[in-house]
Amino acid sequence: METEKDLNDAILKITLKIRNEYPELLKYLVEMPVTIPNTNSPEINIKILKDYYESLNSLLKEYTPNHSETANK
């Protein structure tokens, strides 16, 4: 089972990868619904963190096959 710390670490790692390797995707991170809570004090739990990680992972999986360095060579 993944802990909150594990998920936060995974989110940080994938976010840094996007920032460093695919900066053109940063605009999508700001637009993701999970980053714009609709309450003043949103509850952050394992499910929300896991969903957010999966959305980041999905973004990379959909983008990288067509935009990797090897695809451009």
Protein backbone atom coordinates (compact mmCIF):
# COMPACT_ATOMS: atom_id res chain seq x y z
CA MET A 1 0.00 0.00 0.00
CA GLU A 2 1.26 3.44 -0.84
CA THR A 3 1.57 6.00 1.90
CA GLU A 4 0.93 9.70 1.61
CA LYS A 5 4.69 10.26 1.72
CA ASP A 6 5.28 7.74 -1.08
CA LEU A 7 2.69 9.44 -3.26
CA ASN A 8 4.04 12.92 -2.51
CA ASP A 9 7.54 11.71 -3.43
CA ALA A 10 6.25 10.16 -6.67
CA ILE A 11 4.34 13.35 -7.54
CA LEU A 12 7.44 15.45 -6.90
CA LYS A 13 9.57 13.13 -9.05
CA ILE A 14 7.19 13.12 -12.01
CA THR A 15 6.62 16.88 -11.73
CA LEU A 16 10.38 17.49 -11.81
CA LYS A 17 10.67 15.20 -14.83
CA ILE A 18 8.00 17.22 -16.63
CA ARG A 19 9.67 20.50 -15.63
CA ASN A 20 13.14 19.38 -16.74
CA GLU A 21 12.40 17.22 -19.80
CA TYR A 22 9.06 18.49 -21.11
CA PRO A 23 8.63 22.11 -19.95
CA GLU A 24 6.01 22.65 -22.64
CA LEU A 25 3.67 20.51 -20.52
CA LEU A 26 3.85 22.81 -17.48
CA LYS A 27 0.82 24.76 -18.68
CA TYR A 28 -1.27 21.59 -18.30
CA LEU A 29 -0.24 21.13 -14.67
CA VAL A 30 -1.81 24.45 -13.77
CA GLU A 31 -5.02 23.50 -15.56
CA MET A 32 -5.50 20.12 -13.85
CA PRO A 33 -8.69 20.11 -11.75
CA VAL A 34 -7.00 18.57 -8.73
CA THR A 35 -4.68 21.59 -8.50
CA ILE A 36 -7.63 23.98 -8.33
CA PRO A 37 -9.72 22.90 -5.34
CA ASN A 38 -13.25 24.25 -5.11
CA THR A 39 -13.14 24.66 -1.33
CA ASN A 40 -11.13 26.88 0.99
CA SER A 41 -9.69 23.97 2.97
CA PRO A 42 -9.60 20.96 0.68
CA GLU A 43 -9.02 17.58 2.24
CA ILE A 44 -6.01 15.86 0.75
CA ASN A 45 -6.07 12.10 1.09
CA ILE A 46 -4.45 9.04 -0.45
CA LYS A 47 -7.09 8.73 -3.16
CA ILE A 48 -6.72 12.35 -4.25
CA LEU A 49 -2.94 12.06 -4.32
CA LYS A 50 -3.10 8.79 -6.24
CA ASP A 51 -5.55 10.26 -8.76
CA TYR A 52 -3.28 13.27 -9.23
CA TYR A 53 -0.22 11.07 -9.73
CA GLU A 54 -2.12 8.97 -12.26
CA SER A 55 -3.18 12.09 -14.17
CA LEU A 56 0.45 13.26 -14.33
CA ASN A 57 1.59 9.83 -15.42
CA SER A 58 -1.12 9.69 -18.07
CA LEU A 59 -0.10 13.11 -19.37
CA LEU A 60 3.47 11.90 -19.81
CA LYS A 61 2.47 8.58 -21.38
CA GLU A 62 0.27 10.31 -23.94
CA TYR A 63 2.82 12.98 -24.77
CA THR A 64 6.23 11.28 -24.76
CA PRO A 65 5.82 8.71 -27.57
CA ASN A 66 5.35 11.49 -30.10
CA HIS A 67 7.68 14.06 -28.59
CA SER A 68 10.68 12.23 -27.20
CA GLU A 69 14.18 13.06 -28.39
CA THR A 70 14.38 9.78 -30.30
CA ALA A 71 11.11 10.53 -32.12
CA ASN A 72 12.59 13.80 -33.35
CA LYS A 73 15.73 12.20 -34.84
